[in-house]
Amino acid sequence: MTLDFTGDDDVWVFLNRKLAVDLGGWHVPVPGSVTITGTGVETCQAVGADPYELVCEDSTLADYGIEAGNVYEIAVFHAERKVKGSSFQLTLSGFNQVPSDCTTDCGDGVIAVGEECDDGPLNDGDYNHCS
């Protein structure tokens, strides 16, 4: 699975809530990518000014808290600093196209969207406990 992107100004990619690529700063459009295989993650990003150098780094799935076969969040942020001339392109390839159904499970000990807190099996409604 690969995310290929090109962006000017700030572009950040988070994989399972961990920063994978940081194209921060004010710059001309530069490329970056995240490739996830069954055994690892390769991140590539432009470094330096014009002309830039493309630097790639290999990591394990465990570095991102990922296990093969599970579903994880990938978040891409782009912040435009100029009033005119935004440039951003994102291309996805190799991803499963079946929609996922993300639901919360109160009592699993994980604070998810829509939950203020989650004390795991201690969710009994007592004072200072989740209800």
Protein backbone atom coordinates (compact mmCIF):
# COMPACT_ATOMS: atom_id res chain seq x y z
CA MET A 1 0.00 0.00 0.00
CA THR A 2 1.41 3.37 -0.97
CA LEU A 3 0.54 7.02 -0.39
CA ASP A 4 2.37 9.26 -2.85
CA PHE A 5 1.97 12.98 -2.34
CA THR A 6 3.33 16.29 -3.46
CA GLY A 7 2.72 19.47 -1.55
CA ASP A 8 3.93 22.97 -0.99
CA ASP A 9 4.15 24.43 2.46
CA ASP A 10 3.29 22.06 5.30
CA VAL A 11 2.39 18.38 4.78
CA TRP A 12 2.36 15.85 7.62
CA VAL A 13 1.45 12.16 7.46
CA PHE A 14 0.63 10.22 10.62
CA LEU A 15 0.50 6.43 10.59
CA ASN A 16 -1.37 4.95 13.55
CA ARG A 17 -1.07 8.38 15.28
CA LYS A 18 2.73 8.47 14.90
CA LEU A 19 4.44 11.02 12.66
CA ALA A 20 5.75 9.27 9.55
CA VAL A 21 6.51 12.19 7.19
CA ASP A 22 7.09 15.87 7.95
CA LEU A 23 7.33 18.24 4.98
CA GLY A 24 7.02 21.26 7.26
CA GLY A 25 7.89 24.79 6.33
CA TRP A 26 7.30 27.15 3.47
CA HIS A 27 8.62 25.62 0.24
CA VAL A 28 7.98 24.82 -3.39
CA PRO A 29 6.00 21.62 -4.13
CA VAL A 30 8.07 18.60 -3.05
CA PRO A 31 7.30 14.86 -2.98
CA GLY A 32 6.89 12.38 -0.19
CA SER A 33 5.58 8.84 0.21
CA VAL A 34 4.64 6.15 2.70
CA THR A 35 4.74 2.51 1.58
CA ILE A 36 3.43 -0.21 3.89
CA THR A 37 4.26 -3.86 3.23
CA GLY A 38 3.52 -7.00 5.23
CA THR A 39 6.83 -6.58 7.05
CA GLY A 40 7.69 -2.89 7.17
CA VAL A 41 7.16 0.76 6.36
CA GLU A 42 9.23 2.89 3.99
CA THR A 43 8.90 6.66 4.28
CA CYS A 44 10.43 9.06 1.76
CA GLN A 45 10.51 12.83 1.97
CA ALA A 46 12.22 15.76 0.31
CA VAL A 47 14.98 17.34 2.38
CA GLY A 48 16.61 20.70 1.70
CA ALA A 49 15.80 23.52 -0.64
CA ASP A 50 15.70 23.62 -4.41
CA PRO A 51 17.21 21.29 -5.52
CA TYR A 52 15.95 18.95 -2.79
CA GLU A 53 17.23 15.48 -1.90
CA LEU A 54 14.73 12.60 -1.54
CA VAL A 55 15.60 10.71 1.66
CA CYS A 56 14.00 7.33 2.40
CA GLU A 57 13.93 5.45 5.71
CA ASP A 58 12.88 1.88 6.48
CA SER A 59 11.02 1.01 9.69
CA THR A 60 9.33 -2.06 11.06
CA LEU A 61 5.57 -2.35 11.46
CA ALA A 62 6.19 -2.55 15.22
CA ASP A 63 7.81 0.92 15.12
CA TYR A 64 4.31 2.22 14.32
CA GLY A 65 2.46 -0.22 16.58
CA ILE A 66 1.06 -2.06 13.57
CA GLU A 67 0.35 -5.75 13.07
CA ALA A 68 -0.24 -7.14 9.58
CA GLY A 69 -3.89 -7.81 8.74
CA ASN A 70 -5.42 -5.16 11.02
CA VAL A 71 -6.97 -1.77 10.20
CA TYR A 72 -5.15 1.43 11.27
CA GLU A 73 -5.64 5.15 10.81
CA ILE A 74 -3.59 7.17 8.33
CA ALA A 75 -4.00 10.94 8.68
CA VAL A 76 -2.70 13.45 6.13
CA PHE A 77 -2.59 17.16 6.98
CA HIS A 78 -1.80 19.99 4.56
CA ALA A 79 -1.55 23.60 5.71
CA GLU A 80 -1.38 26.30 3.05
CA ARG A 81 0.56 29.43 4.02
CA LYS A 82 -0.04 31.50 0.89
CA VAL A 83 -3.27 33.22 -0.15
CA LYS A 84 -2.91 31.97 -3.74
CA GLY A 85 -1.19 29.09 -5.45
CA SER A 86 -1.88 26.05 -3.28
CA SER A 87 -0.38 22.85 -4.65
CA PHE A 88 -1.26 19.44 -3.20
CA GLN A 89 -1.69 16.01 -4.78
CA LEU A 90 -2.36 12.67 -3.07
CA THR A 91 -2.36 9.30 -4.83
CA LEU A 92 -3.33 6.06 -3.05
CA SER A 93 -2.54 2.62 -4.43
CA GLY A 94 -2.86 -0.95 -3.17
CA PHE A 95 -5.34 -0.24 -0.37
CA ASN A 96 -8.32 -2.43 0.48
CA GLN A 97 -11.37 -0.69 -0.96
CA VAL A 98 -13.88 -2.34 1.37
CA PRO A 99 -15.25 0.32 3.76
CA SER A 100 -14.48 -0.25 7.42
CA ASP A 101 -17.02 0.22 10.20
CA CYS A 102 -15.36 1.97 13.12
CA THR A 103 -17.38 1.64 16.30
CA THR A 104 -16.52 2.19 19.94
CA ASP A 105 -16.58 -0.48 22.59
CA CYS A 106 -17.30 1.06 25.99
CA GLY A 107 -15.38 -0.85 28.62
CA ASP A 108 -12.42 -1.88 26.47
CA GLY A 109 -10.07 0.59 28.20
CA VAL A 110 -9.47 2.64 25.03
CA ILE A 111 -10.79 6.22 24.77
CA ALA A 112 -12.39 6.40 21.34
CA VAL A 113 -14.37 9.02 19.42
CA GLY A 114 -17.52 9.87 21.36
CA GLU A 115 -16.14 8.61 24.69
CA GLU A 116 -15.10 11.07 27.38
CA CYS A 117 -13.22 8.34 29.22
CA ASP A 118 -13.01 4.54 29.35
CA ASP A 119 -11.85 2.82 32.55
CA GLY A 120 -12.13 -0.62 31.04
CA PRO A 121 -14.14 -3.12 33.09
CA LEU A 122 -14.33 -0.57 35.95
CA ASN A 123 -17.01 1.39 34.05
CA ASP A 124 -19.53 1.10 36.87
CA GLY A 125 -20.80 4.71 37.12
CA ASP A 126 -19.32 5.28 40.61
CA TYR A 127 -17.95 8.68 41.58
CA ASN A 128 -14.76 9.45 39.64
CA HIS A 129 -15.40 6.51 37.30
CA CYS A 130 -16.76 6.55 33.77
CA SER A 131 -20.44 5.98 33.29
